Amino acid sequence: MKKLLTEIRACEVCKEHLPLGPRPIVAAHPNAKIIIIGQAPGTKVHETGVPWDDPSGRQLRKWLKVTDEEFYDETKIALVPMGFCYPGKGKSGDLPPRQECAPLWHQQLWDSMPNLKLIVLIGIYAQNYYLKGTLKKNLTETVRAYEEYAPKYIPLPHPSPRNRFWLTKNPWFNEEVIPKLQERVVAILKTD
């Protein structure tokens, strides 16, 4: 695993497409039980090198009902984005994650983490990649059908403050999905 993480962090495969240059962000350990697959680091995370070190990360930790210490304990939770580097700005926010990363690195990471019990898929990019033939017609319907993907996966919307409208429009998410997510995370983290 150390060798693999060193290789990932030194990756420059899409260097010419990255406005801030390559800085692959990943946290993983062979003992991890939960993996969170996000989109790609934003500018703040690119600067700090700490995954989910932003308002979205704070909201995600609330959804999971974990402390910062639990969230950043790589032996418990692995943090792996679809695109490992900041992709740049688009018209309505950050560009999509680079498509080179997941096929190049994800399977190698999974093969190095035999204790995984839950894969949390944040946003449409992770869901498109991992739930291919079973996706619903949009993110809302995929998240609403979360039980169909259990126990291996749980699809979530992005915890960005920009998604406040979606959360307001879909109160069932906080009422139904979040309690089930928290219950599952607590149960998994209690196991040895």
N, C-alpha and C. Protein backbone atom coordinates (compact mmCIF):
# COMPACT_ATOMS: atom_id res chain seq x y z
N MET A 1 0.83 -1.21 0.00
CA MET A 1 0.00 0.00 0.00
C MET A 1 0.86 1.25 0.00
N LYS A 2 1.92 1.28 0.80
CA LYS A 2 2.79 2.47 0.84
C LYS A 2 3.36 2.76 -0.55
N LYS A 3 3.80 1.71 -1.24
CA LYS A 3 4.36 1.86 -2.58
C LYS A 3 3.30 2.41 -3.55
N LEU A 4 2.09 1.87 -3.46
CA LEU A 4 0.99 2.31 -4.32
C LEU A 4 0.64 3.78 -4.06
N LEU A 5 0.53 4.16 -2.79
CA LEU A 5 0.21 5.57 -2.46
C LEU A 5 1.32 6.50 -2.93
N THR A 6 2.56 6.07 -2.83
CA THR A 6 3.69 6.87 -3.32
C THR A 6 3.57 7.06 -4.84
N GLU A 7 3.21 6.00 -5.55
CA GLU A 7 3.04 6.08 -7.00
C GLU A 7 1.90 7.03 -7.36
N ILE A 8 0.78 6.90 -6.65
CA ILE A 8 -0.37 7.77 -6.93
C ILE A 8 0.00 9.23 -6.69
N ARG A 9 0.63 9.50 -5.56
CA ARG A 9 0.97 10.88 -5.21
C ARG A 9 2.02 11.49 -6.13
N ALA A 10 2.74 10.65 -6.87
CA ALA A 10 3.74 11.14 -7.83
C ALA A 10 3.19 11.18 -9.26
N CYS A 11 1.94 10.79 -9.43
CA CYS A 11 1.35 10.69 -10.77
C CYS A 11 1.30 12.06 -11.47
N GLU A 12 1.65 12.05 -12.75
CA GLU A 12 1.59 13.25 -13.58
C GLU A 12 0.94 12.96 -14.93
N VAL A 13 0.12 11.92 -14.98
CA VAL A 13 -0.49 11.47 -16.24
C VAL A 13 -1.22 12.59 -16.98
N CYS A 14 -1.96 13.42 -16.27
CA CYS A 14 -2.73 14.48 -16.95
C CYS A 14 -2.20 15.88 -16.61
N LYS A 15 -0.95 15.95 -16.31
CA LYS A 15 -0.28 17.20 -15.90
C LYS A 15 -0.63 18.40 -16.78
N GLU A 16 -0.62 18.19 -18.10
CA GLU A 16 -0.87 19.32 -19.02
C GLU A 16 -2.28 19.87 -18.97
N HIS A 17 -3.21 19.14 -18.31
CA HIS A 17 -4.60 19.57 -18.21
C HIS A 17 -4.93 20.21 -16.86
N LEU A 18 -3.96 20.29 -15.96
CA LEU A 18 -4.23 20.76 -14.60
C LEU A 18 -3.71 22.17 -14.41
N PRO A 19 -4.61 23.15 -14.21
CA PRO A 19 -4.19 24.54 -14.10
C PRO A 19 -3.28 24.84 -12.91
N LEU A 20 -3.42 24.09 -11.82
CA LEU A 20 -2.57 24.30 -10.64
C LEU A 20 -1.47 23.24 -10.55
N GLY A 21 -1.36 22.42 -11.57
CA GLY A 21 -0.36 21.37 -11.57
C GLY A 21 -0.84 20.15 -10.82
N PRO A 22 -0.13 19.02 -10.94
CA PRO A 22 -0.55 17.80 -10.25
C PRO A 22 -0.28 17.87 -8.75
N ARG A 23 -1.24 17.44 -7.98
CA ARG A 23 -1.10 17.23 -6.54
C ARG A 23 -2.15 16.20 -6.14
N PRO A 24 -1.92 14.93 -6.47
CA PRO A 24 -2.90 13.91 -6.15
C PRO A 24 -3.18 13.81 -4.65
N ILE A 25 -4.47 13.83 -4.31
CA ILE A 25 -4.91 13.78 -2.93
C ILE A 25 -5.62 12.44 -2.70
N VAL A 26 -5.12 11.66 -1.76
CA VAL A 26 -5.71 10.36 -1.45
C VAL A 26 -5.30 9.97 -0.03
N ALA A 27 -6.18 9.26 0.66
CA ALA A 27 -5.86 8.73 1.99
C ALA A 27 -6.42 7.30 2.04
N ALA A 28 -5.56 6.33 2.30
CA ALA A 28 -6.01 4.94 2.32
C ALA A 28 -5.08 4.11 3.20
N HIS A 29 -5.58 2.97 3.64
CA HIS A 29 -4.81 2.05 4.49
C HIS A 29 -5.39 0.65 4.27
N PRO A 30 -4.56 -0.39 4.34
CA PRO A 30 -5.07 -1.75 4.14
C PRO A 30 -6.19 -2.14 5.10
N ASN A 31 -6.27 -1.54 6.28
CA ASN A 31 -7.29 -1.89 7.27
C ASN A 31 -8.60 -1.11 7.12
N ALA A 32 -8.66 -0.16 6.21
CA ALA A 32 -9.86 0.68 6.06
C ALA A 32 -11.10 -0.19 5.85
N LYS A 33 -12.20 0.24 6.49
CA LYS A 33 -13.46 -0.50 6.39
C LYS A 33 -14.49 0.24 5.53
N ILE A 34 -14.31 1.55 5.45
CA ILE A 34 -15.23 2.39 4.67
C ILE A 34 -14.38 3.18 3.69
N ILE A 35 -14.89 3.33 2.48
CA ILE A 35 -14.21 4.19 1.52
C ILE A 35 -15.20 5.23 1.03
N ILE A 36 -14.76 6.46 1.00
CA ILE A 36 -15.58 7.55 0.50
C ILE A 36 -15.00 7.98 -0.84
N ILE A 37 -15.81 7.86 -1.86
CA ILE A 37 -15.37 8.25 -3.20
C ILE A 37 -16.04 9.56 -3.55
N GLY A 38 -15.24 10.61 -3.61
CA GLY A 38 -15.74 11.93 -3.94
C GLY A 38 -15.49 12.26 -5.40
N GLN A 39 -15.55 13.54 -5.71
CA GLN A 39 -15.37 13.99 -7.09
C GLN A 39 -13.89 14.27 -7.36
N ALA A 40 -13.44 15.43 -6.95
CA ALA A 40 -12.04 15.83 -7.13
C ALA A 40 -11.77 16.94 -6.11
N PRO A 41 -10.52 17.11 -5.71
CA PRO A 41 -10.21 18.17 -4.74
C PRO A 41 -10.55 19.56 -5.30
N GLY A 42 -10.99 20.44 -4.42
CA GLY A 42 -11.18 21.84 -4.78
C GLY A 42 -9.88 22.59 -4.54
N THR A 43 -9.91 23.89 -4.69
CA THR A 43 -8.68 24.69 -4.54
C THR A 43 -8.15 24.65 -3.12
N LYS A 44 -9.05 24.70 -2.12
CA LYS A 44 -8.59 24.68 -0.72
C LYS A 44 -7.88 23.36 -0.40
N VAL A 45 -8.48 22.26 -0.83
CA VAL A 45 -7.88 20.94 -0.59
C VAL A 45 -6.56 20.82 -1.37
N HIS A 46 -6.53 21.38 -2.58
CA HIS A 46 -5.28 21.37 -3.35
C HIS A 46 -4.18 22.09 -2.56
N GLU A 47 -4.53 23.20 -1.94
CA GLU A 47 -3.54 23.97 -1.17
C GLU A 47 -3.07 23.22 0.07
N THR A 48 -4.01 22.64 0.83
CA THR A 48 -3.65 22.01 2.11
C THR A 48 -3.17 20.57 1.95
N GLY A 49 -3.64 19.89 0.91
CA GLY A 49 -3.31 18.48 0.74
C GLY A 49 -4.12 17.57 1.64
N VAL A 50 -5.13 18.13 2.33
CA VAL A 50 -5.97 17.35 3.24
C VAL A 50 -7.33 17.13 2.59
N PRO A 51 -7.71 15.87 2.34
CA PRO A 51 -8.99 15.61 1.69
C PRO A 51 -10.17 16.13 2.51
N TRP A 52 -11.15 16.66 1.83
CA TRP A 52 -12.39 17.12 2.46
C TRP A 52 -12.14 18.17 3.55
N ASP A 53 -11.09 18.97 3.38
CA ASP A 53 -10.75 20.04 4.32
C ASP A 53 -11.43 21.34 3.88
N ASP A 54 -12.77 21.31 3.89
CA ASP A 54 -13.54 22.44 3.40
C ASP A 54 -14.98 22.33 3.93
N PRO A 55 -15.86 23.28 3.61
CA PRO A 55 -17.23 23.20 4.12
C PRO A 55 -17.95 21.90 3.70
N SER A 56 -17.67 21.41 2.51
CA SER A 56 -18.29 20.15 2.08
C SER A 56 -17.86 19.00 3.00
N GLY A 57 -16.61 18.99 3.38
CA GLY A 57 -16.10 17.96 4.28
C GLY A 57 -16.74 18.03 5.66
N ARG A 58 -16.95 19.25 6.15
CA ARG A 58 -17.61 19.39 7.46
C ARG A 58 -19.03 18.83 7.41
N GLN A 59 -19.73 19.14 6.30
CA GLN A 59 -21.10 18.63 6.15
C GLN A 59 -21.09 17.10 6.01
N LEU A 60 -20.14 16.57 5.28
CA LEU A 60 -20.04 15.12 5.11
C LEU A 60 -19.81 14.43 6.46
N ARG A 61 -18.95 15.00 7.29
CA ARG A 61 -18.70 14.41 8.61
C ARG A 61 -19.97 14.43 9.46
N LYS A 62 -20.79 15.47 9.32
CA LYS A 62 -22.07 15.52 10.05
C LYS A 62 -22.99 14.41 9.54
N TRP A 63 -23.05 14.27 8.21
CA TRP A 63 -23.90 13.22 7.65
C TRP A 63 -23.48 11.84 8.17
N LEU A 64 -22.18 11.61 8.24
CA LEU A 64 -21.66 10.31 8.67
C LEU A 64 -21.73 10.13 10.18
N LYS A 65 -21.85 11.25 10.88
CA LYS A 65 -21.83 11.30 12.35
C LYS A 65 -20.51 10.74 12.89
N VAL A 66 -19.42 11.26 12.34
CA VAL A 66 -18.08 10.88 12.78
C VAL A 66 -17.31 12.13 13.20
N THR A 67 -16.36 11.93 14.08
CA THR A 67 -15.49 13.03 14.49
C THR A 67 -14.43 13.25 13.42
N ASP A 68 -13.74 14.37 13.51
CA ASP A 68 -12.61 14.61 12.60
C ASP A 68 -11.57 13.50 12.76
N GLU A 69 -11.34 13.08 14.00
CA GLU A 69 -10.34 12.04 14.26
C GLU A 69 -10.72 10.72 13.58
N GLU A 70 -12.00 10.35 13.67
CA GLU A 70 -12.45 9.12 13.01
C GLU A 70 -12.37 9.25 11.49
N PHE A 71 -12.81 10.39 10.99
CA PHE A 71 -12.85 10.62 9.54
C PHE A 71 -11.45 10.55 8.93
N TYR A 72 -10.48 11.11 9.63
CA TYR A 72 -9.11 11.16 9.08
C TYR A 72 -8.23 10.00 9.56
N ASP A 73 -8.84 8.99 10.20
CA ASP A 73 -8.10 7.79 10.59
C ASP A 73 -8.15 6.84 9.39
N GLU A 74 -7.05 6.79 8.64
CA GLU A 74 -7.00 5.99 7.41
C GLU A 74 -7.22 4.51 7.66
N THR A 75 -7.00 4.04 8.88
CA THR A 75 -7.24 2.63 9.17
C THR A 75 -8.74 2.33 9.26
N LYS A 76 -9.55 3.39 9.33
CA LYS A 76 -11.00 3.23 9.39
C LYS A 76 -11.67 3.66 8.09
N ILE A 77 -11.30 4.86 7.62
CA ILE A 77 -11.98 5.45 6.46
C ILE A 77 -10.94 5.87 5.42
N ALA A 78 -11.09 5.34 4.22
CA ALA A 78 -10.24 5.74 3.09
C ALA A 78 -10.96 6.84 2.33
N LEU A 79 -10.20 7.82 1.86
CA LEU A 79 -10.75 8.96 1.13
C LEU A 79 -10.13 8.99 -0.27
N VAL A 80 -10.93 8.61 -1.24
CA VAL A 80 -10.43 8.45 -2.60
C VAL A 80 -11.36 9.19 -3.57
N PRO A 81 -10.84 10.17 -4.30
CA PRO A 81 -11.69 10.87 -5.27
C PRO A 81 -11.72 10.16 -6.62
N MET A 82 -12.66 10.54 -7.45
CA MET A 82 -12.69 10.04 -8.83
C MET A 82 -11.51 10.62 -9.60
N GLY A 83 -11.23 11.90 -9.38
CA GLY A 83 -10.07 12.57 -9.96
C GLY A 83 -9.20 13.03 -8.80
N PHE A 84 -7.93 12.66 -8.80
CA PHE A 84 -7.08 12.90 -7.63
C PHE A 84 -6.55 14.32 -7.52
N CYS A 85 -6.63 15.09 -8.61
CA CYS A 85 -6.09 16.46 -8.61
C CYS A 85 -7.19 17.48 -8.92
N TYR A 86 -6.95 18.72 -8.51
CA TYR A 86 -7.88 19.80 -8.82
C TYR A 86 -7.97 19.96 -10.34
N PRO A 87 -9.18 19.85 -10.92
CA PRO A 87 -9.32 19.86 -12.38
C PRO A 87 -9.40 21.24 -13.03
N GLY A 88 -9.63 22.28 -12.23
CA GLY A 88 -9.77 23.62 -12.80
C GLY A 88 -11.22 24.10 -12.72
N LYS A 89 -11.42 25.36 -13.06
CA LYS A 89 -12.74 25.99 -13.00
C LYS A 89 -13.47 25.87 -14.33
N GLY A 90 -14.79 25.68 -14.21
CA GLY A 90 -15.67 25.69 -15.36
C GLY A 90 -16.62 26.87 -15.24
N LYS A 91 -17.65 26.90 -16.08
CA LYS A 91 -18.60 28.01 -16.07
C LYS A 91 -19.44 28.06 -14.79
N SER A 92 -19.79 26.88 -14.27
CA SER A 92 -20.67 26.87 -13.08
C SER A 92 -20.04 26.13 -11.91
N GLY A 93 -18.75 26.28 -11.74
CA GLY A 93 -18.05 25.61 -10.64
C GLY A 93 -16.82 24.89 -11.17
N ASP A 94 -16.31 23.96 -10.37
CA ASP A 94 -15.13 23.21 -10.79
C ASP A 94 -15.47 22.30 -11.97
N LEU A 95 -14.46 22.05 -12.80
CA LEU A 95 -14.61 21.11 -13.91
C LEU A 95 -14.83 19.70 -13.36
N PRO A 96 -15.35 18.79 -14.20
CA PRO A 96 -15.49 17.40 -13.75
C PRO A 96 -14.13 16.79 -13.42
N PRO A 97 -14.13 15.73 -12.61
CA PRO A 97 -12.86 15.05 -12.31
C PRO A 97 -12.23 14.53 -13.60
N ARG A 98 -10.92 14.51 -13.64
CA ARG A 98 -10.21 13.93 -14.78
C ARG A 98 -10.57 12.44 -14.87
N GLN A 99 -10.77 11.96 -16.08
CA GLN A 99 -11.22 10.58 -16.28
C GLN A 99 -10.09 9.56 -16.22
N GLU A 100 -8.85 10.00 -16.18
CA GLU A 100 -7.73 9.06 -16.17
C GLU A 100 -7.56 8.34 -14.83
N CYS A 101 -7.90 9.00 -13.74
CA CYS A 101 -7.55 8.51 -12.40
C CYS A 101 -8.23 7.20 -11.99
N ALA A 102 -9.55 7.16 -12.06
CA ALA A 102 -10.27 5.99 -11.56
C ALA A 102 -9.82 4.70 -12.25
N PRO A 103 -9.78 4.64 -13.59
CA PRO A 103 -9.35 3.38 -14.20
C PRO A 103 -7.89 3.03 -13.91
N LEU A 104 -7.09 4.04 -13.69
CA LEU A 104 -5.66 3.82 -13.45
C LEU A 104 -5.37 3.34 -12.02
N TRP A 105 -6.11 3.87 -11.03
CA TRP A 105 -5.73 3.63 -9.63
C TRP A 105 -6.76 2.93 -8.76
N HIS A 106 -8.05 3.08 -9.03
CA HIS A 106 -9.06 2.58 -8.09
C HIS A 106 -8.95 1.09 -7.81
N GLN A 107 -8.89 0.26 -8.84
CA GLN A 107 -8.86 -1.18 -8.60
C GLN A 107 -7.64 -1.59 -7.79
N GLN A 108 -6.52 -0.96 -8.06
CA GLN A 108 -5.31 -1.27 -7.28
C GLN A 108 -5.52 -0.93 -5.80
N LEU A 109 -6.19 0.19 -5.54
CA LEU A 109 -6.48 0.55 -4.15
C LEU A 109 -7.42 -0.46 -3.51
N TRP A 110 -8.50 -0.82 -4.22
CA TRP A 110 -9.47 -1.78 -3.66
C TRP A 110 -8.78 -3.10 -3.34
N ASP A 111 -7.91 -3.55 -4.26
CA ASP A 111 -7.20 -4.82 -4.05
C ASP A 111 -6.30 -4.76 -2.81
N SER A 112 -5.91 -3.57 -2.40
CA SER A 112 -5.05 -3.39 -1.23
C SER A 112 -5.83 -3.18 0.06
N MET A 113 -7.16 -3.15 -0.04
CA MET A 113 -8.01 -2.92 1.14
C MET A 113 -9.04 -4.05 1.26
N PRO A 114 -8.62 -5.20 1.77
CA PRO A 114 -9.52 -6.36 1.83
C PRO A 114 -10.65 -6.27 2.86
N ASN A 115 -10.59 -5.30 3.77
CA ASN A 115 -11.59 -5.20 4.84
C ASN A 115 -12.73 -4.24 4.54
N LEU A 116 -12.83 -3.72 3.32
CA LEU A 116 -13.87 -2.76 2.99
C LEU A 116 -15.26 -3.36 3.18
N LYS A 117 -16.11 -2.61 3.88
CA LYS A 117 -17.48 -3.04 4.13
C LYS A 117 -18.51 -2.10 3.48
N LEU A 118 -18.09 -0.87 3.18
CA LEU A 118 -19.02 0.12 2.63
C LEU A 118 -18.28 1.08 1.71
N ILE A 119 -18.89 1.33 0.56
CA ILE A 119 -18.35 2.30 -0.39
C ILE A 119 -19.39 3.41 -0.52
N VAL A 120 -19.03 4.61 -0.08
CA VAL A 120 -19.92 5.77 -0.12
C VAL A 120 -19.62 6.52 -1.42
N LEU A 121 -20.62 6.62 -2.28
CA LEU A 121 -20.46 7.25 -3.59
C LEU A 121 -21.04 8.66 -3.56
N ILE A 122 -20.16 9.65 -3.55
CA ILE A 122 -20.58 11.04 -3.45
C ILE A 122 -20.71 11.65 -4.84
N GLY A 123 -21.93 11.99 -5.20
CA GLY A 123 -22.15 12.69 -6.45
C GLY A 123 -22.25 11.79 -7.67
N ILE A 124 -22.63 12.42 -8.74
CA ILE A 124 -22.98 11.71 -9.97
C ILE A 124 -21.78 11.04 -10.64
N TYR A 125 -20.59 11.61 -10.53
CA TYR A 125 -19.43 11.01 -11.21
C TYR A 125 -19.09 9.65 -10.62
N ALA A 126 -19.05 9.56 -9.30
CA ALA A 126 -18.78 8.27 -8.63
C ALA A 126 -19.91 7.29 -8.89
N GLN A 127 -21.14 7.77 -8.86
CA GLN A 127 -22.29 6.89 -9.07
C GLN A 127 -22.32 6.37 -10.50
N ASN A 128 -22.04 7.22 -11.48
CA ASN A 128 -21.99 6.77 -12.87
C ASN A 128 -20.94 5.69 -13.08
N TYR A 129 -19.81 5.85 -12.43
CA TYR A 129 -18.70 4.92 -12.61
C TYR A 129 -18.96 3.57 -11.95
N TYR A 130 -19.54 3.59 -10.75
CA TYR A 130 -19.69 2.35 -9.98
C TYR A 130 -21.06 1.68 -10.07
N LEU A 131 -22.08 2.43 -10.41
CA LEU A 131 -23.42 1.84 -10.45
C LEU A 131 -23.94 1.68 -11.87
N LYS A 132 -23.05 1.75 -12.82
CA LYS A 132 -23.35 1.73 -14.26
C LYS A 132 -24.75 1.26 -14.65
N GLY A 133 -24.99 0.00 -14.75
CA GLY A 133 -26.26 -0.53 -15.25
C GLY A 133 -27.43 -0.42 -14.30
N THR A 134 -27.20 0.02 -13.08
CA THR A 134 -28.28 0.06 -12.09
C THR A 134 -28.68 1.48 -11.70
N LEU A 135 -28.08 2.47 -12.35
CA LEU A 135 -28.43 3.87 -12.05
C LEU A 135 -29.88 4.15 -12.38
N LYS A 136 -30.46 5.04 -11.64
CA LYS A 136 -31.81 5.52 -11.94
C LYS A 136 -31.67 6.69 -12.92
N LYS A 137 -32.79 7.35 -13.25
CA LYS A 137 -32.73 8.36 -14.31
C LYS A 137 -32.00 9.65 -13.92
N ASN A 138 -31.82 9.88 -12.61
CA ASN A 138 -31.06 11.05 -12.16
C ASN A 138 -30.51 10.81 -10.76
N LEU A 139 -29.70 11.73 -10.28
CA LEU A 139 -29.06 11.58 -8.97
C LEU A 139 -30.10 11.44 -7.86
N THR A 140 -31.15 12.24 -7.90
CA THR A 140 -32.18 12.20 -6.86
C THR A 140 -32.78 10.81 -6.75
N GLU A 141 -33.13 10.23 -7.89
CA GLU A 141 -33.75 8.90 -7.85
C GLU A 141 -32.75 7.82 -7.44
N THR A 142 -31.50 7.99 -7.82
CA THR A 142 -30.47 7.03 -7.41
C THR A 142 -30.29 7.08 -5.90
N VAL A 143 -30.19 8.28 -5.34
CA VAL A 143 -30.03 8.42 -3.89
C VAL A 143 -31.27 7.89 -3.17
N ARG A 144 -32.44 8.18 -3.71
CA ARG A 144 -33.68 7.71 -3.08
C ARG A 144 -33.76 6.18 -3.05
N ALA A 145 -33.13 5.53 -4.03
CA ALA A 145 -33.13 4.06 -4.13
C ALA A 145 -31.92 3.46 -3.41
N TYR A 146 -31.37 4.17 -2.45
CA TYR A 146 -30.13 3.77 -1.78
C TYR A 146 -30.15 2.34 -1.26
N GLU A 147 -31.30 1.86 -0.80
CA GLU A 147 -31.38 0.50 -0.23
C GLU A 147 -31.10 -0.57 -1.27
N GLU A 148 -31.36 -0.28 -2.55
CA GLU A 148 -31.10 -1.24 -3.62
C GLU A 148 -29.61 -1.51 -3.79
N TYR A 149 -28.78 -0.57 -3.35
CA TYR A 149 -27.33 -0.70 -3.54
C TYR A 149 -26.62 -1.25 -2.30
N ALA A 150 -27.37 -1.41 -1.23
CA ALA A 150 -26.81 -1.92 0.02
C ALA A 150 -26.54 -3.43 -0.13
N PRO A 151 -25.64 -3.97 0.65
CA PRO A 151 -24.85 -3.32 1.69
C PRO A 151 -23.53 -2.74 1.19
N LYS A 152 -23.19 -2.98 -0.09
CA LYS A 152 -21.87 -2.57 -0.59
C LYS A 152 -21.76 -1.06 -0.78
N TYR A 153 -22.78 -0.44 -1.39
CA TYR A 153 -22.71 0.98 -1.74
C TYR A 153 -23.80 1.78 -1.05
N ILE A 154 -23.53 3.07 -0.89
CA ILE A 154 -24.59 4.02 -0.57
C ILE A 154 -24.31 5.28 -1.38
N PRO A 155 -25.25 5.64 -2.27
CA PRO A 155 -25.09 6.85 -3.07
C PRO A 155 -25.59 8.08 -2.31
N LEU A 156 -24.81 9.16 -2.37
CA LEU A 156 -25.19 10.41 -1.71
C LEU A 156 -25.03 11.57 -2.68
N PRO A 157 -25.77 12.66 -2.44
CA PRO A 157 -25.50 13.88 -3.20
C PRO A 157 -24.19 14.48 -2.68
N HIS A 158 -23.67 15.45 -3.38
CA HIS A 158 -22.47 16.11 -2.88
C HIS A 158 -22.86 16.97 -1.68
N PRO A 159 -22.06 16.97 -0.62
CA PRO A 159 -22.40 17.76 0.58
C PRO A 159 -22.05 19.24 0.48
N SER A 160 -21.83 19.72 -0.71
CA SER A 160 -21.48 21.13 -0.92
C SER A 160 -22.57 22.07 -0.43
N PRO A 161 -22.18 23.23 0.11
CA PRO A 161 -23.18 24.24 0.48
C PRO A 161 -24.05 24.65 -0.71
N ARG A 162 -23.54 24.46 -1.92
CA ARG A 162 -24.33 24.78 -3.13
C ARG A 162 -25.55 23.88 -3.27
N ASN A 163 -25.57 22.77 -2.57
CA ASN A 163 -26.69 21.83 -2.67
C ASN A 163 -27.79 22.07 -1.64
N ARG A 164 -27.77 23.23 -1.00
CA ARG A 164 -28.81 23.54 -0.01
C ARG A 164 -30.21 23.44 -0.63
N PHE A 165 -30.36 23.91 -1.87
CA PHE A 165 -31.67 23.86 -2.54
C PHE A 165 -32.13 22.41 -2.69
N TRP A 166 -31.21 21.53 -3.11
CA TRP A 166 -31.56 20.12 -3.28
C TRP A 166 -32.00 19.53 -1.95
N LEU A 167 -31.27 19.83 -0.88
CA LEU A 167 -31.60 19.30 0.44
C LEU A 167 -32.95 19.80 0.92
N THR A 168 -33.25 21.06 0.66
CA THR A 168 -34.55 21.64 1.05
C THR A 168 -35.68 20.99 0.26
N LYS A 169 -35.43 20.75 -1.00
CA LYS A 169 -36.43 20.17 -1.90
C LYS A 169 -36.66 18.67 -1.63
N ASN A 170 -35.69 18.02 -0.99
CA ASN A 170 -35.76 16.58 -0.75
C ASN A 170 -35.58 16.25 0.74
N PRO A 171 -36.55 16.65 1.59
CA PRO A 171 -36.42 16.44 3.04
C PRO A 171 -36.29 14.97 3.42
N TRP A 172 -36.77 14.05 2.59
CA TRP A 172 -36.65 12.62 2.86
C TRP A 172 -35.19 12.20 3.02
N PHE A 173 -34.27 12.93 2.39
CA PHE A 173 -32.86 12.56 2.48
C PHE A 173 -32.37 12.63 3.92
N ASN A 174 -32.64 13.77 4.59
CA ASN A 174 -32.22 13.91 6.00
C ASN A 174 -33.05 13.04 6.93
N GLU A 175 -34.31 12.78 6.56
CA GLU A 175 -35.20 12.01 7.43
C GLU A 175 -34.98 10.50 7.32
N GLU A 176 -34.66 10.01 6.11
CA GLU A 176 -34.56 8.57 5.88
C GLU A 176 -33.13 8.08 5.65
N VAL A 177 -32.44 8.73 4.72
CA VAL A 177 -31.13 8.23 4.30
C VAL A 177 -30.05 8.48 5.35
N ILE A 178 -29.99 9.69 5.87
CA ILE A 178 -28.93 10.03 6.83
C ILE A 178 -28.96 9.14 8.08
N PRO A 179 -30.12 8.91 8.70
CA PRO A 179 -30.12 8.01 9.87
C PRO A 179 -29.62 6.60 9.53
N LYS A 180 -30.00 6.07 8.37
CA LYS A 180 -29.55 4.73 7.96
C LYS A 180 -28.04 4.74 7.70
N LEU A 181 -27.55 5.80 7.07
CA LEU A 181 -26.11 5.94 6.81
C LEU A 181 -25.35 5.96 8.13
N GLN A 182 -25.80 6.78 9.07
CA GLN A 182 -25.13 6.90 10.37
C GLN A 182 -25.14 5.57 11.13
N GLU A 183 -26.26 4.89 11.09
CA GLU A 183 -26.38 3.59 11.76
C GLU A 183 -25.37 2.59 11.18
N ARG A 184 -25.26 2.58 9.87
CA ARG A 184 -24.34 1.65 9.20
C ARG A 184 -22.88 2.00 9.50
N VAL A 185 -22.55 3.30 9.44
CA VAL A 185 -21.18 3.74 9.71
C VAL A 185 -20.78 3.40 11.14
N VAL A 186 -21.64 3.69 12.10
CA VAL A 186 -21.36 3.38 13.51
C VAL A 186 -21.13 1.89 13.69
N ALA A 187 -21.99 1.06 13.09
CA ALA A 187 -21.86 -0.39 13.22
C ALA A 187 -20.54 -0.89 12.63
N ILE A 188 -20.17 -0.36 11.48
CA ILE A 188 -18.93 -0.79 10.83
C ILE A 188 -17.71 -0.37 11.64
N LEU A 189 -17.71 0.87 12.12
CA LEU A 189 -16.54 1.37 12.85
C LEU A 189 -16.37 0.68 14.21
N LYS A 190 -17.44 0.10 14.75
CA LYS A 190 -17.35 -0.62 16.03
C LYS A 190 -16.71 -1.99 15.89
N THR A 191 -16.75 -2.56 14.67
CA THR A 191 -16.19 -3.90 14.47
C THR A 191 -14.67 -3.84 14.44
N ASP A 192 -14.05 -4.91 14.87
CA ASP A 192 -12.57 -4.96 14.86
C ASP A 192 -12.05 -5.69 13.67
